[in-house]
Amino acid sequence: MPEHSARGHDRTRPSYIFNPASRPFHPPCRFCGKANHRNSPSCGRRTCPGYVDTWLGDNEQRLFCNLKQWDGDVVMTTLTGPGKAELPWDEEHCAHRGPHRHRGPDGCRVLPLIAQQWNATAAARLSQLHKAAHQRTYRKYGKWSGRLAYGPEVHARGVVHWHIVVAFGTPFERRTGRFYIAQLHDLAATYDYGYVDRKVGRAAAGIAAASYISKYLTGDKGPKGLRALVLSGQAPERAVGVHRALTTCTRVTMRNLRLRRACWMLFRVRLDCSEAETIWAICRAFPGTELILPASDPSAEP
C-alpha cells in the first residue's frame, strides 16, 4: 500500500508543484525593471518609459495611414466628461487662489482618485455608448460607414475627452453622421459622459483629422499629456481606435507595425505592413529558415 501523509496525499505520485527555479530567466528591463522577454533594450510594454514613445508613434502612424486611404470627407465631434457633480474638483489643489470659479485652464484639477478611476473606464464606456448610438442609426438608415476613428485628449482638469471622426462625404453619410452625433448627445449621460459637440463644422479630408488627433498623442510631453497618463497607468485601455474596414484594406495595424519593425531589425529591409505580414507568415510556416538577401551579382545563386 502506498504511504500517505497526514493530509492524505500519495507520496509515491510525482509532484506537479511548480518550481520557480525551472522558469527561464529573463533579464530586467533597463527602463522599468520588469522582466524583458524580448531581445531588445525595452520590454515592449506601453507603460515602459523606453517603449511608450514607440507605442504612441505607432498609433499616430496607424491613424495617418488609415484615414489617408478614406476617399471621402469627414467631420469630427468632441465627447467630454461630465460636470462637477460626477467629477468633483480638488479643493486643496487650488486653495491658494482663494474663493474662485473652478476651471481647468486656470490650474484647477479633479480629485486625483476620481480622475484616475474615470480615465481607466473611459474607453469601455465609450465603446458602450458608440454601440448604442450605432444601433439606433442602423435601425433608422441601415448600413452606413459609421465612426471611422477616435483618439483621446487629456483635458486641463486631468480627465480624458475624445475626438471622434465620422464619415461625412456623400449626402447619405451626412444624414447618418448628423443623426449619429445627435444620438451620442442623447445617450451621453447614460454612460457617464457630458457635453457632445453637435455643431458640425466644415468637412475635411481624413488626413486632416488624423493630423489634429495625432498632435495630442505625440505632441504633448507635459505632465497632463497622454504619455504621462500611460506611464502612470491611468490611460484608457484602448486609447486609439480605427474602423476595421480601413485596416482591412491597408493592413496598417499595431501588430503589423511591430512586425515591420522586426523585419527591419532582422533583415534591414523597409517593407509595407502587408508585405511584413506575408513574410512573417512564411517564417512561421517554415521554422528554422532564414531570408537571404540577394547577392550583389544578379546572376549569382544563393
Protein backbone atom coordinates (compact mmCIF):
# COMPACT_ATOMS: atom_id res chain seq x y z
CA MET A 1 0.00 0.00 0.00
CA PRO A 2 1.34 3.43 -0.80
CA GLU A 3 2.29 5.57 2.11
CA HIS A 4 0.09 8.57 2.82
CA SER A 5 0.90 11.74 4.63
CA ALA A 6 -1.18 13.17 7.40
CA ARG A 7 -3.15 15.15 4.82
CA GLY A 8 -3.93 12.08 2.73
CA HIS A 9 -1.64 12.84 -0.26
CA ASP A 10 0.03 9.97 -2.07
CA ARG A 11 3.80 10.41 -1.71
CA THR A 12 4.53 7.87 -4.45
CA ARG A 13 2.99 10.09 -7.15
CA PRO A 14 5.19 12.63 -8.91
CA SER A 15 4.98 16.16 -7.65
CA TYR A 16 3.47 18.69 -10.04
CA ILE A 17 4.21 21.69 -7.86
CA PHE A 18 5.69 24.47 -9.98
CA ASN A 19 9.35 25.04 -9.26
CA PRO A 20 10.29 28.71 -9.69
CA ALA A 21 13.88 27.65 -10.39
CA SER A 22 12.73 25.94 -13.60
CA ARG A 23 11.33 29.17 -15.02
CA PRO A 24 13.57 30.59 -17.77
CA PHE A 25 15.45 33.67 -16.71
CA HIS A 26 14.55 36.96 -18.39
CA PRO A 27 16.78 39.93 -17.62
CA PRO A 28 15.09 43.01 -16.21
CA CYS A 29 14.23 45.88 -18.50
CA ARG A 30 16.75 48.67 -18.15
CA PHE A 31 13.96 51.28 -18.20
CA CYS A 32 11.23 49.91 -15.91
CA GLY A 33 12.87 46.93 -14.18
CA LYS A 34 10.22 44.38 -15.23
CA ALA A 35 11.07 41.10 -16.94
CA ASN A 36 12.21 41.65 -20.52
CA HIS A 37 11.03 38.80 -22.76
CA ARG A 38 12.36 40.44 -25.91
CA ASN A 39 15.80 40.70 -27.43
CA SER A 40 15.77 44.48 -27.19
CA PRO A 41 16.64 47.14 -24.59
CA SER A 42 12.99 47.77 -23.59
CA CYS A 43 10.40 45.22 -22.50
CA GLY A 44 7.77 46.33 -25.03
CA ARG A 45 5.08 47.28 -22.53
CA ARG A 46 3.31 50.52 -23.30
CA THR A 47 3.80 51.65 -19.71
CA CYS A 48 7.58 51.28 -20.04
CA PRO A 49 9.42 54.62 -20.38
CA GLY A 50 11.66 53.07 -23.03
CA TYR A 51 8.75 51.95 -25.23
CA VAL A 52 5.92 54.41 -24.66
CA ASP A 53 7.12 56.82 -27.38
CA THR A 54 7.30 53.96 -29.89
CA TRP A 55 3.76 52.91 -28.93
CA LEU A 56 2.45 56.45 -29.33
CA GLY A 57 4.25 56.78 -32.68
CA ASP A 58 2.67 53.55 -33.93
CA ASN A 59 -0.77 54.85 -33.03
CA GLU A 60 -0.04 58.10 -34.83
CA GLN A 61 1.07 56.23 -37.95
CA ARG A 62 -1.97 53.96 -37.78
CA LEU A 63 -4.25 56.99 -37.79
CA PHE A 64 -2.45 58.67 -40.69
CA CYS A 65 -2.14 55.63 -42.94
CA ASN A 66 -5.74 54.51 -42.49
CA LEU A 67 -7.53 57.84 -42.65
CA LYS A 68 -5.41 58.85 -45.64
CA GLN A 69 -6.99 55.97 -47.58
CA TRP A 70 -10.53 57.25 -46.94
CA ASP A 71 -11.61 58.80 -50.23
CA GLY A 72 -14.42 60.93 -48.77
CA ASP A 73 -14.71 63.85 -46.38
CA VAL A 74 -15.02 63.54 -42.62
CA VAL A 75 -16.08 65.66 -39.65
CA MET A 76 -15.12 65.47 -36.01
CA THR A 77 -17.12 65.75 -32.85
CA THR A 78 -15.89 66.04 -29.27
CA LEU A 79 -17.13 63.99 -26.33
CA THR A 80 -16.19 65.33 -22.90
CA GLY A 81 -16.56 64.15 -19.34
CA PRO A 82 -19.42 65.08 -17.01
CA GLY A 83 -19.59 68.10 -14.74
CA LYS A 84 -18.54 68.73 -11.16
CA ALA A 85 -21.34 66.59 -9.72
CA GLU A 86 -19.71 63.41 -11.08
CA LEU A 87 -16.14 64.72 -11.24
CA PRO A 88 -15.68 66.95 -8.15
CA TRP A 89 -12.85 69.45 -8.00
CA ASP A 90 -9.82 69.07 -5.76
CA GLU A 91 -10.33 71.99 -3.42
CA GLU A 92 -6.89 71.65 -1.81
CA HIS A 93 -5.07 71.80 -5.15
CA CYS A 94 -6.13 75.38 -5.82
CA ALA A 95 -6.85 76.58 -2.27
CA HIS A 96 -4.03 79.12 -2.54
CA ARG A 97 -6.11 81.11 -5.05
CA GLY A 98 -8.83 81.84 -2.52
CA PRO A 99 -12.53 81.89 -3.50
CA HIS A 100 -12.80 81.45 -7.26
CA ARG A 101 -14.67 79.65 -10.01
CA HIS A 102 -13.02 76.32 -10.79
CA ARG A 103 -11.72 75.97 -14.34
CA GLY A 104 -9.21 73.55 -15.75
CA PRO A 105 -7.28 76.12 -17.84
CA ASP A 106 -6.79 78.17 -14.66
CA GLY A 107 -5.00 75.29 -12.94
CA CYS A 108 -7.87 73.56 -11.15
CA ARG A 109 -7.93 69.77 -11.14
CA VAL A 110 -10.39 66.98 -10.49
CA LEU A 111 -9.77 64.86 -7.39
CA PRO A 112 -6.87 62.56 -8.39
CA LEU A 113 -8.52 59.28 -7.33
CA ILE A 114 -11.80 60.16 -9.06
CA ALA A 115 -9.97 61.22 -12.24
CA GLN A 116 -7.89 58.04 -12.25
CA GLN A 117 -10.95 55.82 -11.92
CA TRP A 118 -12.84 57.73 -14.59
CA ASN A 119 -9.94 57.61 -17.06
CA ALA A 120 -9.43 53.88 -16.52
CA THR A 121 -13.02 53.10 -17.58
CA ALA A 122 -13.38 55.82 -20.23
CA ALA A 123 -12.65 53.54 -23.21
CA ALA A 124 -15.08 50.81 -22.09
CA ARG A 125 -17.88 53.33 -21.58
CA LEU A 126 -17.11 54.95 -24.94
CA SER A 127 -17.47 51.55 -26.59
CA GLN A 128 -20.86 51.00 -24.96
CA LEU A 129 -22.02 54.49 -25.91
CA HIS A 130 -20.93 54.03 -29.51
CA LYS A 131 -22.68 50.66 -29.71
CA ALA A 132 -25.98 52.12 -28.51
CA ALA A 133 -25.78 55.14 -30.87
CA HIS A 134 -24.70 52.93 -33.77
CA GLN A 135 -27.66 50.58 -33.26
CA ARG A 136 -30.10 53.49 -33.32
CA THR A 137 -28.55 54.81 -36.53
CA TYR A 138 -28.56 51.38 -38.15
CA ARG A 139 -32.24 50.81 -37.33
CA LYS A 140 -33.16 54.13 -38.95
CA TYR A 141 -30.88 54.19 -42.01
CA GLY A 142 -29.49 50.70 -42.44
CA LYS A 143 -25.82 50.02 -43.13
CA TRP A 144 -23.64 53.13 -43.01
CA SER A 145 -19.95 53.99 -42.92
CA GLY A 146 -20.10 54.95 -39.26
CA ARG A 147 -17.34 56.05 -36.95
CA LEU A 148 -14.01 55.89 -38.74
CA ALA A 149 -11.62 56.61 -35.86
CA TYR A 150 -11.29 58.16 -32.44
CA GLY A 151 -8.49 59.42 -30.25
CA PRO A 152 -8.08 60.93 -26.78
CA GLU A 153 -7.06 64.30 -25.48
CA VAL A 154 -6.27 64.98 -21.85
CA HIS A 155 -8.34 67.92 -20.64
CA ALA A 156 -6.72 70.57 -18.49
CA ARG A 157 -8.64 69.38 -15.43
CA GLY A 158 -6.99 65.94 -15.69
CA VAL A 159 -9.62 63.73 -17.39
CA VAL A 160 -9.76 62.33 -20.90
CA HIS A 161 -12.14 63.50 -23.60
CA TRP A 162 -12.49 62.05 -27.09
CA HIS A 163 -12.30 63.29 -30.67
CA ILE A 164 -14.47 61.13 -32.91
CA VAL A 165 -14.10 61.05 -36.71
CA VAL A 166 -17.32 60.42 -38.66
CA ALA A 167 -17.72 59.88 -42.40
CA PHE A 168 -19.33 62.95 -44.00
CA GLY A 169 -18.79 62.76 -47.77
CA THR A 170 -21.96 61.69 -49.55
CA PRO A 171 -25.47 63.02 -48.78
CA PHE A 172 -26.30 59.70 -47.11
CA GLU A 173 -23.20 59.93 -44.91
CA ARG A 174 -24.11 63.49 -43.94
CA ARG A 175 -27.60 62.45 -42.85
CA THR A 176 -26.39 59.43 -40.91
CA GLY A 177 -23.46 61.35 -39.44
CA ARG A 178 -25.68 64.09 -38.03
CA PHE A 179 -28.11 61.53 -36.65
CA TYR A 180 -25.29 59.53 -35.05
CA ILE A 181 -23.86 62.61 -33.34
CA ALA A 182 -27.34 63.51 -32.08
CA GLN A 183 -27.66 60.04 -30.57
CA LEU A 184 -24.32 60.43 -28.84
CA HIS A 185 -25.69 63.60 -27.25
CA ASP A 186 -28.91 61.92 -26.12
CA LEU A 187 -27.13 58.89 -24.62
CA ALA A 188 -24.03 60.56 -23.18
CA ALA A 189 -25.35 60.98 -19.64
CA THR A 190 -26.35 57.31 -19.50
CA TYR A 191 -22.72 56.31 -19.87
CA ASP A 192 -21.29 58.96 -17.54
CA TYR A 193 -20.29 61.43 -20.24
CA GLY A 194 -21.13 65.09 -20.57
CA TYR A 195 -21.03 67.52 -23.47
CA VAL A 196 -21.14 66.39 -27.12
CA ASP A 197 -20.26 68.94 -29.78
CA ARG A 198 -23.21 68.87 -32.20
CA LYS A 199 -22.09 71.85 -34.29
CA VAL A 200 -20.86 70.04 -37.35
CA GLY A 201 -18.21 72.19 -38.95
CA ARG A 202 -16.79 72.17 -42.44
CA ALA A 203 -15.97 68.74 -43.77
CA ALA A 204 -12.29 67.98 -44.40
CA ALA A 205 -10.10 65.17 -45.67
CA GLY A 206 -9.35 62.25 -43.42
CA ILE A 207 -5.66 63.10 -43.16
CA ALA A 208 -6.57 66.50 -41.68
CA ALA A 209 -8.49 64.75 -38.89
CA ALA A 210 -5.56 62.39 -38.32
CA SER A 211 -3.21 65.36 -38.05
CA TYR A 212 -5.45 67.04 -35.48
CA ILE A 213 -5.77 63.94 -33.27
CA SER A 214 -2.15 62.86 -33.52
CA LYS A 215 -0.82 66.08 -32.01
CA TYR A 216 -2.38 65.01 -28.72
CA LEU A 217 -0.65 61.62 -28.96
CA THR A 218 2.94 62.63 -29.59
CA GLY A 219 2.99 66.41 -29.25
CA ASP A 220 2.16 66.97 -25.58
CA LYS A 221 5.05 65.91 -23.34
CA GLY A 222 3.72 67.71 -20.27
CA PRO A 223 2.54 66.18 -17.00
CA LYS A 224 -1.06 66.03 -18.22
CA GLY A 225 -0.36 64.60 -21.68
CA LEU A 226 -1.35 61.13 -22.82
CA ARG A 227 2.25 59.99 -22.38
CA ALA A 228 2.13 60.84 -18.69
CA LEU A 229 -1.18 59.01 -18.29
CA VAL A 230 0.25 55.92 -19.99
CA LEU A 231 3.32 55.87 -17.77
CA SER A 232 1.21 56.28 -14.65
CA GLY A 233 -1.21 53.52 -15.70
CA GLN A 234 -4.19 55.88 -15.99
CA ALA A 235 -4.58 55.82 -19.78
CA PRO A 236 -7.65 54.15 -21.30
CA GLU A 237 -7.10 50.53 -22.23
CA ARG A 238 -7.80 51.16 -25.91
CA ALA A 239 -6.82 54.76 -26.37
CA VAL A 240 -6.96 54.95 -30.19
CA GLY A 241 -9.41 53.19 -32.48
CA VAL A 242 -9.66 52.79 -36.25
CA HIS A 243 -12.53 51.24 -38.20
CA ARG A 244 -11.89 47.66 -39.31
CA ALA A 245 -12.96 48.47 -42.86
CA LEU A 246 -9.92 50.74 -43.16
CA THR A 247 -7.37 48.39 -41.58
CA THR A 248 -8.62 45.51 -43.73
CA CYS A 249 -7.60 47.45 -46.85
CA THR A 250 -4.36 49.00 -45.62
CA ARG A 251 -3.24 46.24 -43.17
CA VAL A 252 -1.76 49.01 -41.03
CA THR A 253 -2.42 47.64 -37.58
CA MET A 254 -0.43 47.77 -34.36
CA ARG A 255 0.62 44.16 -34.84
CA ASN A 256 1.80 44.67 -38.41
CA LEU A 257 3.67 47.83 -37.45
CA ARG A 258 5.59 45.79 -34.90
CA LEU A 259 6.22 43.06 -37.48
CA ARG A 260 7.53 45.62 -39.94
CA ARG A 261 9.89 46.96 -37.32
CA ALA A 262 11.05 43.41 -36.55
CA CYS A 263 11.72 42.76 -40.24
CA TRP A 264 13.86 45.88 -40.35
CA MET A 265 15.88 44.78 -37.34
CA LEU A 266 16.36 41.25 -38.70
CA PHE A 267 16.78 41.80 -42.43
CA ARG A 268 17.41 45.57 -42.81
CA VAL A 269 14.67 45.94 -45.43
CA ARG A 270 11.86 48.50 -45.42
CA LEU A 271 8.52 46.85 -46.06
CA ASP A 272 4.89 47.83 -46.15
CA CYS A 273 2.70 46.40 -43.42
CA SER A 274 1.07 43.95 -45.86
CA GLU A 275 4.48 42.74 -47.03
CA ALA A 276 5.76 42.35 -43.47
CA GLU A 277 2.68 40.32 -42.57
CA THR A 278 3.25 37.96 -45.51
CA ILE A 279 6.94 37.49 -44.82
CA TRP A 280 6.29 36.84 -41.15
CA ALA A 281 3.68 34.23 -42.06
CA ILE A 282 6.23 32.47 -44.27
CA CYS A 283 8.81 32.46 -41.49
CA ARG A 284 6.29 30.91 -39.10
CA ALA A 285 5.22 28.31 -41.65
CA PHE A 286 8.81 27.19 -42.17
CA PRO A 287 10.54 27.44 -38.78
CA GLY A 288 14.29 27.47 -38.84
CA THR A 289 14.51 29.10 -42.26
CA GLU A 290 16.29 32.35 -42.97
CA LEU A 291 15.64 35.01 -45.54
CA ILE A 292 18.83 35.50 -47.53
CA LEU A 293 19.30 38.88 -49.15
CA PRO A 294 20.16 38.76 -52.87
CA ALA A 295 23.84 38.87 -53.79
CA SER A 296 25.37 41.89 -55.47
CA ASP A 297 25.69 39.93 -58.72
CA PRO A 298 22.16 39.37 -60.17
CA SER A 299 23.28 36.13 -61.78
CA ALA A 300 24.65 34.68 -58.55
CA GLU A 301 22.58 31.98 -56.91
CA PRO A 302 22.02 31.90 -53.15
